[in-house]
Amino acid sequence: MAFSPEYLAELNLLAQFQSTSAQEGIKVHQHSAPEASVKAAERLHQKGLITQKDGGYLTALGSEAVELTQKLQSILASR
């Protein structure tokens, strides 16, 4: 089963968060961000991974998802 474009957009958005600081959030600007990013932020908010529909901060579940996303990136990037 392949990752859908929607899941890839969510993973790409999660990858923008800093896992080392719960005090750093992101803002997805509805008028200037790609539509895929705007929709991904809305879905991540609905799933309880981020605090606002346009970004905000990671929830506890979101922090775990970012950690797993970073691990997956590391595995895929390794030789």
PDB file of N, CA and C in Angstrom:
ATOM      1  N   MET A   1       0.840  -1.177   0.000  1.00  0.00           N
ATOM      2  CA  MET A   1       0.000   0.000   0.000  1.00  0.00           C
ATOM      3  C   MET A   1       0.889   1.247   0.000  1.00  0.00           C
ATOM      4  N   ALA A   2       0.696   2.107  -0.945  1.00  0.00           N
ATOM      5  CA  ALA A   2       1.498   3.318  -1.083  1.00  0.00           C
ATOM      6  C   ALA A   2       0.938   4.434  -0.198  1.00  0.00           C
ATOM      7  N   PHE A   3       1.806   5.384   0.144  1.00  0.00           N
ATOM      8  CA  PHE A   3       1.346   6.572   0.859  1.00  0.00           C
ATOM      9  C   PHE A   3       0.546   7.441  -0.103  1.00  0.00           C
ATOM     10  N   SER A   4      -0.598   7.893   0.340  1.00  0.00           N
ATOM     11  CA  SER A   4      -1.412   8.782  -0.492  1.00  0.00           C
ATOM     12  C   SER A   4      -0.752  10.168  -0.523  1.00  0.00           C
ATOM     13  N   PRO A   5      -1.087  10.974  -1.515  1.00  0.00           N
ATOM     14  CA  PRO A   5      -0.572  12.345  -1.542  1.00  0.00           C
ATOM     15  C   PRO A   5      -0.942  13.121  -0.270  1.00  0.00           C
ATOM     16  N   GLU A   6      -2.102  12.830   0.307  1.00  0.00           N
ATOM     17  CA  GLU A   6      -2.532  13.502   1.535  1.00  0.00           C
ATOM     18  C   GLU A   6      -1.621  13.127   2.697  1.00  0.00           C
ATOM     19  N   TYR A   7      -1.292  11.834   2.836  1.00  0.00           N
ATOM     20  CA  TYR A   7      -0.384  11.399   3.906  1.00  0.00           C
ATOM     21  C   TYR A   7       1.003  11.998   3.713  1.00  0.00           C
ATOM     22  N   LEU A   8       1.460  12.044   2.470  1.00  0.00           N
ATOM     23  CA  LEU A   8       2.779  12.630   2.215  1.00  0.00           C
ATOM     24  C   LEU A   8       2.798  14.113   2.590  1.00  0.00           C
ATOM     25  N   ALA A   9       1.725  14.829   2.304  1.00  0.00           N
ATOM     26  CA  ALA A   9       1.643  16.240   2.681  1.00  0.00           C
ATOM     27  C   ALA A   9       1.663  16.386   4.206  1.00  0.00           C
ATOM     28  N   GLU A  10       0.990  15.489   4.903  1.00  0.00           N
ATOM     29  CA  GLU A  10       0.984  15.528   6.365  1.00  0.00           C
ATOM     30  C   GLU A  10       2.379  15.227   6.912  1.00  0.00           C
ATOM     31  N   LEU A  11       3.040  14.227   6.357  1.00  0.00           N
ATOM     32  CA  LEU A  11       4.401  13.904   6.790  1.00  0.00           C
ATOM     33  C   LEU A  11       5.356  15.069   6.531  1.00  0.00           C
ATOM     34  N   ASN A  12       5.223  15.691   5.368  1.00  0.00           N
ATOM     35  CA  ASN A  12       6.079  16.838   5.050  1.00  0.00           C
ATOM     36  C   ASN A  12       5.826  17.998   6.010  1.00  0.00           C
ATOM     37  N   LEU A  13       4.591  18.205   6.389  1.00  0.00           N
ATOM     38  CA  LEU A  13       4.286  19.266   7.344  1.00  0.00           C
ATOM     39  C   LEU A  13       4.838  18.921   8.727  1.00  0.00           C
ATOM     40  N   LEU A  14       4.670  17.684   9.152  1.00  0.00           N
ATOM     41  CA  LEU A  14       5.221  17.263  10.449  1.00  0.00           C
ATOM     42  C   LEU A  14       6.738  17.426  10.485  1.00  0.00           C
ATOM     43  N   ALA A  15       7.385  17.192   9.357  1.00  0.00           N
ATOM     44  CA  ALA A  15       8.840  17.296   9.288  1.00  0.00           C
ATOM     45  C   ALA A  15       9.321  18.733   9.500  1.00  0.00           C
ATOM     46  N   GLN A  16       8.427  19.707   9.386  1.00  0.00           N
ATOM     47  CA  GLN A  16       8.813  21.102   9.593  1.00  0.00           C
ATOM     48  C   GLN A  16       8.876  21.492  11.070  1.00  0.00           C
ATOM     49  N   PHE A  17       8.290  20.678  11.935  1.00  0.00           N
ATOM     50  CA  PHE A  17       8.319  20.967  13.365  1.00  0.00           C
ATOM     51  C   PHE A  17       9.657  20.547  13.967  1.00  0.00           C
ATOM     52  N   GLN A  18      10.100  21.307  14.954  1.00  0.00           N
ATOM     53  CA  GLN A  18      11.306  20.952  15.702  1.00  0.00           C
ATOM     54  C   GLN A  18      10.918  19.978  16.804  1.00  0.00           C
ATOM     55  N   SER A  19      11.546  18.839  16.826  1.00  0.00           N
ATOM     56  CA  SER A  19      11.207  17.856  17.857  1.00  0.00           C
ATOM     57  C   SER A  19      11.886  18.175  19.179  1.00  0.00           C
ATOM     58  N   THR A  20      12.877  19.047  19.154  1.00  0.00           N
ATOM     59  CA  THR A  20      13.641  19.331  20.360  1.00  0.00           C
ATOM     60  C   THR A  20      13.008  20.406  21.229  1.00  0.00           C
ATOM     61  N   SER A  21      12.000  21.105  20.728  1.00  0.00           N
ATOM     62  CA  SER A  21      11.397  22.191  21.500  1.00  0.00           C
ATOM     63  C   SER A  21       9.886  22.200  21.329  1.00  0.00           C
ATOM     64  N   ALA A  22       9.198  22.088  22.455  1.00  0.00           N
ATOM     65  CA  ALA A  22       7.733  22.169  22.430  1.00  0.00           C
ATOM     66  C   ALA A  22       7.272  23.623  22.324  1.00  0.00           C
ATOM     67  N   GLN A  23       8.215  24.555  22.433  1.00  0.00           N
ATOM     68  CA  GLN A  23       7.890  25.976  22.398  1.00  0.00           C
ATOM     69  C   GLN A  23       7.919  26.563  20.990  1.00  0.00           C
ATOM     70  N   GLU A  24       8.305  25.766  20.006  1.00  0.00           N
ATOM     71  CA  GLU A  24       8.368  26.248  18.630  1.00  0.00           C
ATOM     72  C   GLU A  24       7.255  25.616  17.812  1.00  0.00           C
ATOM     73  N   GLY A  25       6.404  26.465  17.272  1.00  0.00           N
ATOM     74  CA  GLY A  25       5.319  26.006  16.428  1.00  0.00           C
ATOM     75  C   GLY A  25       5.544  26.457  14.998  1.00  0.00           C
ATOM     76  N   ILE A  26       4.567  26.222  14.177  1.00  0.00           N
ATOM     77  CA  ILE A  26       4.617  26.707  12.796  1.00  0.00           C
ATOM     78  C   ILE A  26       3.284  27.361  12.457  1.00  0.00           C
ATOM     79  N   LYS A  27       3.304  28.173  11.439  1.00  0.00           N
ATOM     80  CA  LYS A  27       2.092  28.828  10.944  1.00  0.00           C
ATOM     81  C   LYS A  27       1.973  28.512   9.463  1.00  0.00           C
ATOM     82  N   VAL A  28       0.843  27.973   9.058  1.00  0.00           N
ATOM     83  CA  VAL A  28       0.570  27.689   7.657  1.00  0.00           C
ATOM     84  C   VAL A  28      -0.365  28.797   7.173  1.00  0.00           C
ATOM     85  N   HIS A  29       0.172  29.710   6.394  1.00  0.00           N
ATOM     86  CA  HIS A  29      -0.600  30.855   5.925  1.00  0.00           C
ATOM     87  C   HIS A  29      -1.530  30.432   4.787  1.00  0.00           C
ATOM     88  N   GLN A  30      -2.796  30.557   5.017  1.00  0.00           N
ATOM     89  CA  GLN A  30      -3.810  30.083   4.080  1.00  0.00           C
ATOM     90  C   GLN A  30      -3.677  30.734   2.703  1.00  0.00           C
ATOM     91  N   HIS A  31      -3.235  31.978   2.648  1.00  0.00           N
ATOM     92  CA  HIS A  31      -3.202  32.690   1.371  1.00  0.00           C
ATOM     93  C   HIS A  31      -1.900  32.503   0.608  1.00  0.00           C
ATOM     94  N   SER A  32      -0.833  32.056   1.297  1.00  0.00           N
ATOM     95  CA  SER A  32       0.449  31.938   0.603  1.00  0.00           C
ATOM     96  C   SER A  32       1.024  30.522   0.598  1.00  0.00           C
ATOM     97  N   ALA A  33       0.549  29.667   1.466  1.00  0.00           N
ATOM     98  CA  ALA A  33       1.046  28.287   1.505  1.00  0.00           C
ATOM     99  C   ALA A  33       0.371  27.463   0.421  1.00  0.00           C
ATOM    100  N   PRO A  34       1.049  26.424  -0.051  1.00  0.00           N
ATOM    101  CA  PRO A  34       0.394  25.526  -1.017  1.00  0.00           C
ATOM    102  C   PRO A  34      -0.890  24.930  -0.409  1.00  0.00           C
ATOM    103  N   GLU A  35      -1.878  24.739  -1.238  1.00  0.00           N
ATOM    104  CA  GLU A  35      -3.157  24.204  -0.761  1.00  0.00           C
ATOM    105  C   GLU A  35      -2.979  22.859  -0.051  1.00  0.00           C
ATOM    106  N   ALA A  36      -2.056  22.039  -0.548  1.00  0.00           N
ATOM    107  CA  ALA A  36      -1.814  20.734   0.082  1.00  0.00           C
ATOM    108  C   ALA A  36      -1.354  20.908   1.524  1.00  0.00           C
ATOM    109  N   SER A  37      -0.560  21.924   1.794  1.00  0.00           N
ATOM    110  CA  SER A  37      -0.084  22.185   3.164  1.00  0.00           C
ATOM    111  C   SER A  37      -1.207  22.695   4.050  1.00  0.00           C
ATOM    112  N   VAL A  38      -2.044  23.562   3.513  1.00  0.00           N
ATOM    113  CA  VAL A  38      -3.182  24.090   4.264  1.00  0.00           C
ATOM    114  C   VAL A  38      -4.110  22.952   4.661  1.00  0.00           C
ATOM    115  N   LYS A  39      -4.428  22.093   3.706  1.00  0.00           N
ATOM    116  CA  LYS A  39      -5.319  20.956   3.977  1.00  0.00           C
ATOM    117  C   LYS A  39      -4.666  19.966   4.941  1.00  0.00           C
ATOM    118  N   ALA A  40      -3.354  19.745   4.793  1.00  0.00           N
ATOM    119  CA  ALA A  40      -2.642  18.837   5.689  1.00  0.00           C
ATOM    120  C   ALA A  40      -2.696  19.346   7.125  1.00  0.00           C
ATOM    121  N   ALA A  41      -2.519  20.647   7.311  1.00  0.00           N
ATOM    122  CA  ALA A  41      -2.593  21.225   8.653  1.00  0.00           C
ATOM    123  C   ALA A  41      -3.980  21.023   9.245  1.00  0.00           C
ATOM    124  N   GLU A  42      -5.004  21.220   8.444  1.00  0.00           N
ATOM    125  CA  GLU A  42      -6.375  21.015   8.927  1.00  0.00           C
ATOM    126  C   GLU A  42      -6.593  19.562   9.356  1.00  0.00           C
ATOM    127  N   ARG A  43      -6.091  18.631   8.553  1.00  0.00           N
ATOM    128  CA  ARG A  43      -6.258  17.204   8.902  1.00  0.00           C
ATOM    129  C   ARG A  43      -5.467  16.848  10.157  1.00  0.00           C
ATOM    130  N   LEU A  44      -4.243  17.363  10.279  1.00  0.00           N
ATOM    131  CA  LEU A  44      -3.437  17.075  11.469  1.00  0.00           C
ATOM    132  C   LEU A  44      -4.110  17.643  12.719  1.00  0.00           C
ATOM    133  N   HIS A  45      -4.746  18.784  12.584  1.00  0.00           N
ATOM    134  CA  HIS A  45      -5.478  19.364  13.717  1.00  0.00           C
ATOM    135  C   HIS A  45      -6.674  18.482  14.073  1.00  0.00           C
ATOM    136  N   GLN A  46      -7.414  18.033  13.073  1.00  0.00           N
ATOM    137  CA  GLN A  46      -8.574  17.160  13.321  1.00  0.00           C
ATOM    138  C   GLN A  46      -8.150  15.856  13.983  1.00  0.00           C
ATOM    139  N   LYS A  47      -6.959  15.386  13.661  1.00  0.00           N
ATOM    140  CA  LYS A  47      -6.443  14.131  14.226  1.00  0.00           C
ATOM    141  C   LYS A  47      -5.824  14.336  15.603  1.00  0.00           C
ATOM    142  N   GLY A  48      -5.730  15.594  16.040  1.00  0.00           N
ATOM    143  CA  GLY A  48      -5.202  15.879  17.371  1.00  0.00           C
ATOM    144  C   GLY A  48      -3.686  15.923  17.444  1.00  0.00           C
ATOM    145  N   LEU A  49      -3.012  16.172  16.322  1.00  0.00           N
ATOM    146  CA  LEU A  49      -1.554  16.216  16.329  1.00  0.00           C
ATOM    147  C   LEU A  49      -1.001  17.625  16.484  1.00  0.00           C
ATOM    148  N   ILE A  50      -1.777  18.635  16.087  1.00  0.00           N
ATOM    149  CA  ILE A  50      -1.360  20.030  16.253  1.00  0.00           C
ATOM    150  C   ILE A  50      -2.501  20.816  16.895  1.00  0.00           C
ATOM    151  N   THR A  51      -2.147  21.938  17.521  1.00  0.00           N
ATOM    152  CA  THR A  51      -3.120  22.661  18.333  1.00  0.00           C
ATOM    153  C   THR A  51      -4.057  23.567  17.553  1.00  0.00           C
ATOM    154  N   GLN A  52      -3.674  23.984  16.360  1.00  0.00           N
ATOM    155  CA  GLN A  52      -4.500  24.901  15.581  1.00  0.00           C
ATOM    156  C   GLN A  52      -4.677  24.353  14.166  1.00  0.00           C
ATOM    157  N   LYS A  53      -5.755  24.727  13.512  1.00  0.00           N
ATOM    158  CA  LYS A  53      -5.978  24.226  12.153  1.00  0.00           C
ATOM    159  C   LYS A  53      -5.015  24.830  11.145  1.00  0.00           C
ATOM    160  N   ASP A  54      -4.317  25.886  11.533  1.00  0.00           N
ATOM    161  CA  ASP A  54      -3.315  26.483  10.646  1.00  0.00           C
ATOM    162  C   ASP A  54      -1.897  26.325  11.210  1.00  0.00           C
ATOM    163  N   GLY A  55      -1.707  25.308  12.014  1.00  0.00           N
ATOM    164  CA  GLY A  55      -0.371  25.028  12.559  1.00  0.00           C
ATOM    165  C   GLY A  55      -0.391  25.011  14.063  1.00  0.00           C
ATOM    166  N   GLY A  56       0.227  26.019  14.656  1.00  0.00           N
ATOM    167  CA  GLY A  56       0.289  26.061  16.107  1.00  0.00           C
ATOM    168  C   GLY A  56       1.425  25.204  16.619  1.00  0.00           C
ATOM    169  N   TYR A  57       1.147  24.534  17.704  1.00  0.00           N
ATOM    170  CA  TYR A  57       2.152  23.704  18.368  1.00  0.00           C
ATOM    171  C   TYR A  57       1.765  22.232  18.277  1.00  0.00           C
ATOM    172  N   LEU A  58       2.733  21.386  18.541  1.00  0.00           N
ATOM    173  CA  LEU A  58       2.469  19.956  18.566  1.00  0.00           C
ATOM    174  C   LEU A  58       1.770  19.576  19.856  1.00  0.00           C
ATOM    175  N   THR A  59       0.858  18.644  19.767  1.00  0.00           N
ATOM    176  CA  THR A  59       0.288  18.010  20.952  1.00  0.00           C
ATOM    177  C   THR A  59       1.249  16.882  21.351  1.00  0.00           C
ATOM    178  N   ALA A  60       0.944  16.194  22.430  1.00  0.00           N
ATOM    179  CA  ALA A  60       1.772  15.054  22.836  1.00  0.00           C
ATOM    180  C   ALA A  60       1.804  14.003  21.724  1.00  0.00           C
ATOM    181  N   LEU A  61       0.654  13.738  21.139  1.00  0.00           N
ATOM    182  CA  LEU A  61       0.589  12.775  20.032  1.00  0.00           C
ATOM    183  C   LEU A  61       1.368  13.291  18.828  1.00  0.00           C
ATOM    184  N   GLY A  62       1.275  14.578  18.567  1.00  0.00           N
ATOM    185  CA  GLY A  62       2.019  15.183  17.468  1.00  0.00           C
ATOM    186  C   GLY A  62       3.516  15.081  17.666  1.00  0.00           C
ATOM    187  N   SER A  63       3.975  15.273  18.897  1.00  0.00           N
ATOM    188  CA  SER A  63       5.409  15.133  19.200  1.00  0.00           C
ATOM    189  C   SER A  63       5.887  13.722  18.902  1.00  0.00           C
ATOM    190  N   GLU A  64       5.069  12.750  19.263  1.00  0.00           N
ATOM    191  CA  GLU A  64       5.408  11.356  18.979  1.00  0.00           C
ATOM    192  C   GLU A  64       5.448  11.111  17.470  1.00  0.00           C
ATOM    193  N   ALA A  65       4.494  11.685  16.747  1.00  0.00           N
ATOM    194  CA  ALA A  65       4.450  11.527  15.296  1.00  0.00           C
ATOM    195  C   ALA A  65       5.675  12.154  14.638  1.00  0.00           C
ATOM    196  N   VAL A  66       6.103  13.319  15.122  1.00  0.00           N
ATOM    197  CA  VAL A  66       7.296  13.966  14.574  1.00  0.00           C
ATOM    198  C   VAL A  66       8.527  13.096  14.823  1.00  0.00           C
ATOM    199  N   GLU A  67       8.615  12.550  16.013  1.00  0.00           N
ATOM    200  CA  GLU A  67       9.742  11.663  16.339  1.00  0.00           C
ATOM    201  C   GLU A  67       9.779  10.466  15.389  1.00  0.00           C
ATOM    202  N   LEU A  68       8.635   9.861  15.149  1.00  0.00           N
ATOM    203  CA  LEU A  68       8.568   8.712  14.247  1.00  0.00           C
ATOM    204  C   LEU A  68       8.861   9.121  12.802  1.00  0.00           C
ATOM    205  N   THR A  69       8.388  10.299  12.414  1.00  0.00           N
ATOM    206  CA  THR A  69       8.662  10.816  11.072  1.00  0.00           C
ATOM    207  C   THR A  69      10.162  11.002  10.875  1.00  0.00           C
ATOM    208  N   GLN A  70      10.830  11.557  11.880  1.00  0.00           N
ATOM    209  CA  GLN A  70      12.274  11.760  11.793  1.00  0.00           C
ATOM    210  C   GLN A  70      13.022  10.426  11.732  1.00  0.00           C
ATOM    211  N   LYS A  71      12.550   9.447  12.484  1.00  0.00           N
ATOM    212  CA  LYS A  71      13.169   8.118  12.427  1.00  0.00           C
ATOM    213  C   LYS A  71      13.018   7.515  11.038  1.00  0.00           C
ATOM    214  N   LEU A  72      11.831   7.639  10.466  1.00  0.00           N
ATOM    215  CA  LEU A  72      11.591   7.109   9.128  1.00  0.00           C
ATOM    216  C   LEU A  72      12.481   7.807   8.110  1.00  0.00           C
ATOM    217  N   GLN A  73      12.603   9.132   8.207  1.00  0.00           N
ATOM    218  CA  GLN A  73      13.491   9.877   7.303  1.00  0.00           C
ATOM    219  C   GLN A  73      14.920   9.374   7.428  1.00  0.00           C
ATOM    220  N   SER A  74      15.352   9.147   8.646  1.00  0.00           N
ATOM    221  CA  SER A  74      16.713   8.669   8.872  1.00  0.00           C
ATOM    222  C   SER A  74      16.933   7.275   8.273  1.00  0.00           C
ATOM    223  N   ILE A  75      15.971   6.414   8.469  1.00  0.00           N
ATOM    224  CA  ILE A  75      16.078   5.057   7.912  1.00  0.00           C
ATOM    225  C   ILE A  75      16.125   5.092   6.389  1.00  0.00           C
ATOM    226  N   LEU A  76      15.244   5.885   5.794  1.00  0.00           N
ATOM    227  CA  LEU A  76      15.186   5.956   4.341  1.00  0.00           C
ATOM    228  C   LEU A  76      16.424   6.617   3.743  1.00  0.00           C
ATOM    229  N   ALA A  77      17.042   7.519   4.480  1.00  0.00           N
ATOM    230  CA  ALA A  77      18.222   8.226   3.994  1.00  0.00           C
ATOM    231  C   ALA A  77      19.504   7.427   4.183  1.00  0.00           C
ATOM    232  N   SER A  78      19.456   6.384   5.003  1.00  0.00           N
ATOM    233  CA  SER A  78      20.673   5.599   5.250  1.00  0.00           C
ATOM    234  C   SER A  78      20.991   4.717   4.064  1.00  0.00           C
ATOM    235  N   ARG A  79      22.229   4.346   3.978  1.00  0.00           N
ATOM    236  CA  ARG A  79      22.677   3.512   2.872  1.00  0.00           C
ATOM    237  C   ARG A  79      22.265   2.140   3.157  1.00  0.00           C
TER     238      ARG A  79
END
